[in-house]
Amino acid sequence: MLKLRMIVFFSIILGIHALVNFYIYKRAAQGIEAVPHMLFWLRVIIILLFVSYPLGRFLEKVWYSPIAHFFHWTGAFWFAGMLYFVIAIFSLDLIRWGNHLFDFLPMKWMENYSKTKLITTYATTVLVVLVVIIGHINAWTPKITRKTIDINKDGGEFKSLKIVAASDIHLGTIIGPRKTGKLVNTINSLKPDIILFAGDIVDEDIKPVIEQNLGKNLLNLKAPLGVYGITGNHEYIGGAEKAVKYLEEHGIDILRDTSILVKNSFYISGREDRDKTNFTGIKRKTPGKLTSELDPTKPIIMLDHQPYHLDLVENAGVDLQLSGHTHHGQLWPFNYITEKIFEVSSGYKKKGNSHFYVSNGFGTWGPPVRLGNRPEIIEFTLNFK
């Protein structure tokens, strides 16, 4: 049943992918009608871009090589290019349709319409390329977000606690050795007491992680109270057991509907990702079930990858929950969608005595591009009372 759902899902995605590429091709072909000899190259380029991502992902499974990398990276960038070409082309279509009704464009533009379309096509292409480049630079320059939170509980032997956290790293072909090294070095430079990862540490397939030996960098993480993480939906998409085994072998303790009492002072609770049920048929524990086993007088810090049902977390007596998953849309204007879906799409919120933080994430999924938000590493200072 799960396999059938995945086939249907990916069929729909590929269908949309094909339609979007066809739309871009048709409008680009109309735009370059003044130079018909370029039509052949346009077709070659569009076909190459269309097949790149699925071909790259397939090749990585059977033949991990620079060629597979080339197609994966090309297709990943093209996802961002597709989005902004569609936005640009549709905006131009609105102007064109408006001109048919109100005739507001300068007459000299319309006298040589083929030339106008060609110039517009060139200008649109340059604009989209610049937008994607800027978004890529933005995606490669994470910020450090600092947040101080007062917890109205006794912290045992700790009056304050420094947590450095990240989510949605998406280790794999795109987030490779260089970016992983940057993550580790930045976290260590903040001198955390404890390090937390809120899911999607691995970008689906574990093979690129193993092939690039990304775990070598993870072993360099330093925190006296340990390094903890949870599963996200991408761990389950790629095979949670393999991903968890690899991460635990490389220094990250994965909490799977379990809690750990640190220095008899505070709890770290980690929930399984909500997609566990879809992939295994087994339900995860509710927040209330997870915290019912804990001493409520001690601070409880919970990791839950997807920030749904915050009321249940508040009612369960959780003091701080860290989540990710949303990427805050990753690419503008998708942030408007995530803001409608999630009570918190990005940043901090307090409900009752519970504090919530939803991270934009450190890495990227699909295109290595971010617009409208910054990737981040979060430094929490918890003050206990």
Foldseek 3Di string as FASTA:
>chain_A
DLVVVVVVVVVVVLVVLVVLLVVLLVLLCLLQVVPNVCNVVSVVVSVLLSCLCVQLVVCCVVPNDVSSLVSNQSNLLVVQLSVQSVVLVVVVVVVVVVCVVVVPDDPVCVVCVNVNSNVSSVVSVVVSVVQSVVQLVQLLDADEAEAEAEAAFFQVVDQKFKEKEFEQCADFSVCAQVNLLVVQVVQVVVQGQEYEYQENNHQQACSRCVVRVSLVSLLSRDHNQFAEYEYEVSCLNNPVVVVQVSNVVSGYHYADLAWDQTPVGAIEHEYHACCCCSRPVDGIDFLLVSLVVDDLNHAYEYRYADQPDVVSNVVSNHQEYEYEPLLCLQEPPRVVVQVVVHVDSAAWDDDDNHIYGYANGNADHRHSGGDPDGHYIYIYMYGYD
